[in-house]
N, C-alpha and C. Protein backbone atom coordinates (compact mmCIF):
# COMPACT_ATOMS: atom_id res chain seq x y z
N MET A 1 12.27 3.38 46.22
CA MET A 1 11.91 2.19 45.46
C MET A 1 13.18 1.58 44.90
N ASN A 2 13.36 0.27 45.08
CA ASN A 2 14.58 -0.33 44.56
C ASN A 2 14.51 -0.50 43.05
N LYS A 3 15.65 -0.85 42.43
CA LYS A 3 15.74 -0.93 40.97
C LYS A 3 14.80 -1.98 40.40
N ILE A 4 14.66 -3.12 41.05
CA ILE A 4 13.78 -4.18 40.55
C ILE A 4 12.32 -3.73 40.58
N ALA A 5 11.91 -3.09 41.66
CA ALA A 5 10.53 -2.61 41.76
C ALA A 5 10.24 -1.55 40.70
N LYS A 6 11.22 -0.63 40.46
CA LYS A 6 11.05 0.39 39.42
C LYS A 6 10.89 -0.27 38.06
N TRP A 7 11.77 -1.24 37.77
CA TRP A 7 11.73 -1.92 36.47
C TRP A 7 10.40 -2.63 36.28
N CYS A 8 9.91 -3.32 37.32
CA CYS A 8 8.63 -4.03 37.23
C CYS A 8 7.49 -3.04 37.02
N SER A 9 7.53 -1.89 37.69
CA SER A 9 6.49 -0.87 37.51
C SER A 9 6.49 -0.34 36.08
N LEU A 10 7.68 -0.07 35.55
CA LEU A 10 7.78 0.41 34.17
C LEU A 10 7.32 -0.65 33.19
N ALA A 11 7.69 -1.90 33.42
CA ALA A 11 7.26 -2.98 32.54
C ALA A 11 5.75 -3.14 32.58
N ALA A 12 5.16 -3.00 33.74
CA ALA A 12 3.70 -3.12 33.86
C ALA A 12 3.02 -1.98 33.12
N LEU A 13 3.54 -0.77 33.25
CA LEU A 13 2.96 0.37 32.53
C LEU A 13 3.10 0.19 31.03
N ALA A 14 4.24 -0.27 30.58
CA ALA A 14 4.45 -0.49 29.14
C ALA A 14 3.49 -1.55 28.62
N THR A 15 3.31 -2.61 29.38
CA THR A 15 2.39 -3.67 28.97
C THR A 15 0.96 -3.14 28.91
N MET A 16 0.57 -2.36 29.91
CA MET A 16 -0.79 -1.80 29.90
C MET A 16 -0.98 -0.89 28.70
N GLY A 17 0.05 -0.13 28.34
CA GLY A 17 -0.04 0.75 27.18
C GLY A 17 -0.24 -0.03 25.90
N VAL A 18 0.46 -1.15 25.77
CA VAL A 18 0.32 -1.98 24.57
C VAL A 18 -1.05 -2.63 24.54
N ILE A 19 -1.50 -3.12 25.66
CA ILE A 19 -2.80 -3.78 25.71
C ILE A 19 -3.93 -2.78 25.50
N ALA A 20 -3.78 -1.57 26.05
CA ALA A 20 -4.84 -0.58 25.97
C ALA A 20 -4.84 0.18 24.65
N ALA A 21 -3.77 0.05 23.86
CA ALA A 21 -3.71 0.77 22.59
C ALA A 21 -4.77 0.26 21.64
N PRO A 22 -5.39 1.15 20.87
CA PRO A 22 -6.40 0.71 19.91
C PRO A 22 -5.77 -0.15 18.83
N GLN A 23 -6.55 -1.11 18.34
CA GLN A 23 -6.03 -2.00 17.32
C GLN A 23 -5.80 -1.27 16.01
N ASP A 24 -6.70 -0.41 15.62
CA ASP A 24 -6.57 0.34 14.38
C ASP A 24 -6.41 1.81 14.70
N ALA A 25 -5.54 2.46 13.96
CA ALA A 25 -5.33 3.89 14.13
C ALA A 25 -5.31 4.53 12.75
N LYS A 26 -5.66 5.78 12.70
CA LYS A 26 -5.59 6.51 11.44
C LYS A 26 -4.13 6.83 11.14
N ALA A 27 -3.77 6.69 9.90
CA ALA A 27 -2.43 7.05 9.45
C ALA A 27 -2.60 7.87 8.18
N SER A 28 -1.77 8.83 8.01
CA SER A 28 -1.83 9.60 6.79
C SER A 28 -0.46 10.17 6.51
N GLY A 29 -0.26 10.55 5.28
CA GLY A 29 1.01 11.13 4.94
C GLY A 29 0.94 11.87 3.63
N THR A 30 1.70 12.95 3.56
CA THR A 30 1.85 13.68 2.32
C THR A 30 3.27 13.47 1.85
N GLY A 31 3.42 13.01 0.62
CA GLY A 31 4.74 12.74 0.09
C GLY A 31 4.67 12.43 -1.39
N TYR A 32 5.61 11.64 -1.84
CA TYR A 32 5.76 11.32 -3.26
C TYR A 32 5.71 9.81 -3.48
N VAL A 33 5.12 9.41 -4.58
CA VAL A 33 5.05 8.00 -4.93
C VAL A 33 6.45 7.54 -5.32
N CYS A 34 6.93 6.51 -4.66
CA CYS A 34 8.19 5.89 -5.06
C CYS A 34 7.90 4.82 -6.10
N ASN A 35 6.99 3.93 -5.75
CA ASN A 35 6.55 2.93 -6.72
C ASN A 35 5.14 2.49 -6.38
N VAL A 36 4.49 1.96 -7.38
CA VAL A 36 3.12 1.49 -7.23
C VAL A 36 3.00 0.19 -8.01
N SER A 37 2.34 -0.77 -7.42
CA SER A 37 2.16 -2.05 -8.13
C SER A 37 0.70 -2.48 -8.06
N PHE A 38 0.25 -3.04 -9.14
CA PHE A 38 -1.12 -3.51 -9.26
C PHE A 38 -1.08 -5.01 -9.50
N THR A 39 -1.83 -5.75 -8.69
CA THR A 39 -1.98 -7.19 -8.86
C THR A 39 -3.38 -7.43 -9.41
N PRO A 40 -3.48 -7.84 -10.68
CA PRO A 40 -4.79 -7.88 -11.33
C PRO A 40 -5.62 -9.14 -11.09
N PHE A 41 -5.18 -10.02 -10.22
CA PHE A 41 -5.94 -11.26 -10.05
C PHE A 41 -6.62 -11.34 -8.69
N SER A 42 -7.55 -12.24 -8.60
CA SER A 42 -8.34 -12.43 -7.39
C SER A 42 -7.50 -13.08 -6.29
N SER A 43 -7.67 -12.56 -5.09
CA SER A 43 -7.00 -13.14 -3.91
C SER A 43 -7.81 -12.72 -2.69
N GLY A 44 -7.27 -12.92 -1.52
CA GLY A 44 -7.92 -12.48 -0.30
C GLY A 44 -8.04 -10.96 -0.23
N LEU A 45 -7.29 -10.25 -1.11
CA LEU A 45 -7.33 -8.79 -1.15
C LEU A 45 -8.39 -8.26 -2.11
N GLY A 46 -9.17 -9.18 -2.69
CA GLY A 46 -10.29 -8.77 -3.54
C GLY A 46 -10.36 -9.52 -4.85
N THR A 47 -11.54 -9.56 -5.40
CA THR A 47 -11.76 -10.29 -6.65
C THR A 47 -11.32 -9.49 -7.87
N LYS A 48 -11.09 -8.20 -7.72
CA LYS A 48 -10.67 -7.35 -8.85
C LYS A 48 -9.21 -6.94 -8.75
N GLY A 49 -8.47 -7.53 -7.82
CA GLY A 49 -7.06 -7.22 -7.67
C GLY A 49 -6.79 -6.35 -6.45
N SER A 50 -5.55 -5.91 -6.36
CA SER A 50 -5.13 -5.04 -5.25
C SER A 50 -4.01 -4.14 -5.73
N LEU A 51 -3.76 -3.10 -4.96
CA LEU A 51 -2.81 -2.07 -5.33
C LEU A 51 -1.95 -1.75 -4.12
N TRP A 52 -0.65 -1.59 -4.35
CA TRP A 52 0.29 -1.20 -3.29
C TRP A 52 1.00 0.07 -3.73
N VAL A 53 1.20 0.99 -2.82
CA VAL A 53 1.95 2.22 -3.12
C VAL A 53 2.92 2.51 -1.98
N ASN A 54 4.16 2.86 -2.35
CA ASN A 54 5.18 3.27 -1.39
C ASN A 54 5.31 4.78 -1.45
N LEU A 55 5.27 5.41 -0.30
CA LEU A 55 5.31 6.87 -0.19
C LEU A 55 6.61 7.30 0.49
N TYR A 56 7.31 8.26 -0.13
CA TYR A 56 8.55 8.82 0.42
C TYR A 56 8.38 10.32 0.60
N SER A 57 9.22 10.91 1.45
CA SER A 57 9.12 12.34 1.71
C SER A 57 9.66 13.18 0.55
N GLY A 58 10.48 12.60 -0.32
CA GLY A 58 11.03 13.31 -1.47
C GLY A 58 10.71 12.61 -2.77
N PRO A 59 10.80 13.31 -3.89
CA PRO A 59 10.51 12.69 -5.18
C PRO A 59 11.58 11.66 -5.57
N ASN A 60 11.24 10.77 -6.47
CA ASN A 60 12.17 9.75 -6.98
C ASN A 60 12.75 8.87 -5.88
N CYS A 61 11.92 8.50 -4.93
CA CYS A 61 12.31 7.59 -3.84
C CYS A 61 13.42 8.17 -2.96
N THR A 62 13.43 9.49 -2.82
CA THR A 62 14.43 10.13 -1.96
C THR A 62 13.78 10.55 -0.65
N GLY A 63 14.61 10.94 0.26
CA GLY A 63 14.10 11.34 1.57
C GLY A 63 13.82 10.12 2.43
N THR A 64 12.82 10.24 3.25
CA THR A 64 12.48 9.22 4.22
C THR A 64 11.30 8.39 3.75
N PHE A 65 11.40 7.07 3.92
CA PHE A 65 10.26 6.20 3.65
C PHE A 65 9.17 6.55 4.64
N MET A 66 7.95 6.73 4.13
CA MET A 66 6.85 7.13 5.00
C MET A 66 5.88 5.98 5.26
N GLU A 67 5.41 5.34 4.21
CA GLU A 67 4.51 4.21 4.41
C GLU A 67 4.31 3.45 3.11
N GLN A 68 3.83 2.25 3.27
CA GLN A 68 3.39 1.43 2.14
C GLN A 68 1.93 1.11 2.41
N ALA A 69 1.06 1.62 1.57
CA ALA A 69 -0.37 1.40 1.76
C ALA A 69 -0.88 0.45 0.69
N GLN A 70 -1.83 -0.38 1.07
CA GLN A 70 -2.44 -1.27 0.09
C GLN A 70 -3.92 -0.95 -0.02
N TYR A 71 -4.41 -1.10 -1.24
CA TYR A 71 -5.81 -0.82 -1.55
C TYR A 71 -6.42 -2.11 -2.07
N CYS A 72 -7.55 -2.48 -1.51
CA CYS A 72 -8.20 -3.74 -1.83
C CYS A 72 -9.43 -3.51 -2.70
N SER A 73 -9.86 -4.58 -3.33
CA SER A 73 -11.04 -4.48 -4.20
C SER A 73 -12.22 -5.23 -3.59
N VAL A 74 -13.36 -5.07 -4.25
CA VAL A 74 -14.58 -5.74 -3.79
C VAL A 74 -14.34 -7.24 -3.69
N GLY A 75 -15.01 -7.86 -2.76
CA GLY A 75 -14.86 -9.30 -2.55
C GLY A 75 -13.69 -9.68 -1.68
N ALA A 76 -13.01 -8.69 -1.08
CA ALA A 76 -11.87 -8.99 -0.21
C ALA A 76 -12.33 -9.77 1.02
N THR A 77 -11.56 -10.78 1.38
CA THR A 77 -11.86 -11.59 2.55
C THR A 77 -10.80 -11.45 3.64
N ASP A 78 -9.67 -10.85 3.34
CA ASP A 78 -8.58 -10.68 4.29
C ASP A 78 -8.83 -9.42 5.11
N THR A 79 -9.55 -9.55 6.20
CA THR A 79 -9.95 -8.39 7.00
C THR A 79 -8.76 -7.75 7.72
N ALA A 80 -7.68 -8.48 7.94
CA ALA A 80 -6.50 -7.88 8.56
C ALA A 80 -5.80 -6.94 7.59
N SER A 81 -5.89 -7.24 6.30
CA SER A 81 -5.19 -6.45 5.29
C SER A 81 -6.07 -5.38 4.64
N CYS A 82 -7.37 -5.57 4.66
CA CYS A 82 -8.28 -4.67 3.95
C CYS A 82 -9.22 -3.97 4.92
N ASP A 83 -9.47 -2.71 4.63
CA ASP A 83 -10.40 -1.93 5.43
C ASP A 83 -11.78 -2.04 4.80
N ASN A 84 -12.72 -1.24 5.27
CA ASN A 84 -14.07 -1.26 4.74
C ASN A 84 -14.19 -0.57 3.39
N VAL A 85 -13.17 0.18 2.98
CA VAL A 85 -13.20 0.86 1.69
C VAL A 85 -12.64 -0.09 0.64
N LEU A 86 -13.51 -0.56 -0.23
CA LEU A 86 -13.11 -1.50 -1.27
C LEU A 86 -13.43 -0.90 -2.64
N TYR A 87 -12.53 -1.05 -3.57
CA TYR A 87 -12.67 -0.46 -4.90
C TYR A 87 -13.09 -1.52 -5.91
N ASP A 88 -13.85 -1.09 -6.93
CA ASP A 88 -14.16 -2.01 -8.01
C ASP A 88 -13.00 -1.96 -9.01
N GLY A 89 -13.04 -2.83 -10.00
CA GLY A 89 -11.93 -2.94 -10.95
C GLY A 89 -11.55 -1.65 -11.64
N PRO A 90 -12.51 -0.94 -12.29
CA PRO A 90 -12.16 0.30 -12.97
C PRO A 90 -11.61 1.39 -12.03
N GLN A 91 -12.12 1.46 -10.81
CA GLN A 91 -11.60 2.43 -9.84
C GLN A 91 -10.15 2.12 -9.48
N LEU A 92 -9.86 0.85 -9.25
CA LEU A 92 -8.51 0.44 -8.87
C LEU A 92 -7.53 0.71 -10.01
N ILE A 93 -7.93 0.41 -11.23
CA ILE A 93 -7.06 0.66 -12.39
C ILE A 93 -6.84 2.16 -12.58
N ALA A 94 -7.88 2.96 -12.42
CA ALA A 94 -7.73 4.42 -12.54
C ALA A 94 -6.78 4.96 -11.47
N MET A 95 -6.89 4.45 -10.24
CA MET A 95 -6.00 4.88 -9.17
C MET A 95 -4.56 4.49 -9.50
N TRP A 96 -4.36 3.27 -9.99
CA TRP A 96 -3.03 2.79 -10.38
C TRP A 96 -2.42 3.69 -11.46
N GLU A 97 -3.20 4.01 -12.49
CA GLU A 97 -2.70 4.86 -13.57
C GLU A 97 -2.37 6.27 -13.06
N ASN A 98 -3.23 6.82 -12.21
CA ASN A 98 -2.98 8.15 -11.67
C ASN A 98 -1.76 8.17 -10.76
N LEU A 99 -1.55 7.12 -9.99
CA LEU A 99 -0.37 7.03 -9.12
C LEU A 99 0.90 6.89 -9.96
N GLN A 100 0.83 6.16 -11.07
CA GLN A 100 1.99 6.06 -11.96
C GLN A 100 2.33 7.43 -12.55
N ARG A 101 1.30 8.17 -12.97
CA ARG A 101 1.53 9.51 -13.51
C ARG A 101 2.12 10.44 -12.43
N ALA A 102 1.62 10.33 -11.21
CA ALA A 102 2.13 11.15 -10.11
C ALA A 102 3.61 10.85 -9.85
N ALA A 103 3.98 9.58 -9.91
CA ALA A 103 5.38 9.20 -9.72
C ALA A 103 6.26 9.78 -10.83
N ALA A 104 5.80 9.69 -12.06
CA ALA A 104 6.58 10.18 -13.20
C ALA A 104 6.72 11.70 -13.18
N ALA A 105 5.72 12.40 -12.66
CA ALA A 105 5.72 13.87 -12.65
C ALA A 105 6.23 14.46 -11.33
N ASP A 106 6.69 13.62 -10.41
CA ASP A 106 7.10 14.09 -9.08
C ASP A 106 6.00 14.91 -8.43
N GLN A 107 4.78 14.40 -8.52
CA GLN A 107 3.61 15.07 -7.98
C GLN A 107 3.38 14.64 -6.54
N LYS A 108 3.16 15.59 -5.68
CA LYS A 108 2.91 15.30 -4.26
C LYS A 108 1.50 14.74 -4.11
N ILE A 109 1.37 13.75 -3.23
CA ILE A 109 0.06 13.16 -2.95
C ILE A 109 -0.15 13.07 -1.44
N TYR A 110 -1.40 12.90 -1.08
CA TYR A 110 -1.78 12.67 0.32
C TYR A 110 -2.46 11.31 0.38
N VAL A 111 -2.00 10.45 1.27
CA VAL A 111 -2.57 9.12 1.45
C VAL A 111 -3.25 9.07 2.81
N GLN A 112 -4.52 8.71 2.83
CA GLN A 112 -5.25 8.48 4.09
C GLN A 112 -5.42 6.98 4.24
N SER A 113 -5.09 6.47 5.40
CA SER A 113 -5.17 5.03 5.61
C SER A 113 -5.42 4.73 7.09
N THR A 114 -5.70 3.47 7.37
CA THR A 114 -5.74 3.00 8.74
C THR A 114 -4.61 2.00 8.89
N THR A 115 -4.19 1.79 10.11
CA THR A 115 -3.10 0.86 10.32
C THR A 115 -3.37 0.02 11.56
N ASN A 116 -2.97 -1.23 11.50
CA ASN A 116 -2.90 -2.05 12.70
C ASN A 116 -1.45 -2.46 12.84
N SER A 117 -1.14 -3.40 13.65
CA SER A 117 0.27 -3.71 13.91
C SER A 117 1.00 -4.26 12.68
N TRP A 118 0.30 -4.75 11.67
CA TRP A 118 0.97 -5.38 10.53
C TRP A 118 0.67 -4.74 9.19
N HIS A 119 -0.43 -4.03 9.03
CA HIS A 119 -0.86 -3.59 7.72
C HIS A 119 -1.23 -2.11 7.72
N VAL A 120 -0.92 -1.45 6.62
CA VAL A 120 -1.42 -0.10 6.36
C VAL A 120 -2.44 -0.23 5.25
N ARG A 121 -3.69 -0.02 5.60
CA ARG A 121 -4.81 -0.24 4.68
C ARG A 121 -5.26 1.10 4.11
N GLY A 122 -5.10 1.23 2.80
CA GLY A 122 -5.41 2.49 2.14
C GLY A 122 -6.91 2.78 2.12
N LEU A 123 -7.25 4.03 2.35
CA LEU A 123 -8.63 4.48 2.25
C LEU A 123 -8.81 5.30 0.98
N TYR A 124 -8.01 6.36 0.82
CA TYR A 124 -8.10 7.16 -0.39
C TYR A 124 -6.79 7.89 -0.63
N VAL A 125 -6.67 8.45 -1.83
CA VAL A 125 -5.50 9.23 -2.24
C VAL A 125 -5.98 10.56 -2.77
N GLN A 126 -5.29 11.61 -2.39
CA GLN A 126 -5.56 12.95 -2.93
C GLN A 126 -4.31 13.40 -3.68
N PHE A 127 -4.50 13.92 -4.88
CA PHE A 127 -3.39 14.37 -5.71
C PHE A 127 -3.31 15.89 -5.67
N TYR A 128 -2.10 16.42 -5.44
CA TYR A 128 -1.87 17.87 -5.44
C TYR A 128 -1.38 18.30 -6.82
N SER A 129 -1.70 19.53 -7.20
CA SER A 129 -1.19 20.02 -8.48
C SER A 129 0.25 20.49 -8.30
N ASN A 130 1.03 20.34 -9.34
CA ASN A 130 2.45 20.76 -9.27
C ASN A 130 2.60 22.24 -9.46
C-alpha cells in the first residue's frame, strides 16, 4: 500500500472513530478541590444558580489538573451544560459550603460527572474523611 493510501485509510478510521464516539461519557475523578465558585443568580444553568469546582490531584492546587465540573440548579435550560441532575437552592449552597470546607482542610473528594466535547456536567460529589 502506498503512503497516500495508508494515510487516507488512517484518516478514514480516525474520522469513523470520532463520528462513532458517544456524545456523552462518564467522567469521574478523585482529587482535591482547588477552587469552587457559586453563581447565585438565574441563568441558563438554573434559576437557583450554578456551581463550578476545579479538581487537582494534589491539595492546594498542586499536582495535575483533573477536571472542572459544573453543577446546575432547577430550571436549567442549557442542555449542553447541564445534565439531568439538577439541584435546588439549599442543596447547591450546602454543596458549595462543603466544597469550600474540603478545600480548606485538604480533604479528598470524588466527583462523578458526564462529559461531552465541551462541558463536564457534575452529577454528585462524595467527600472522604481525612
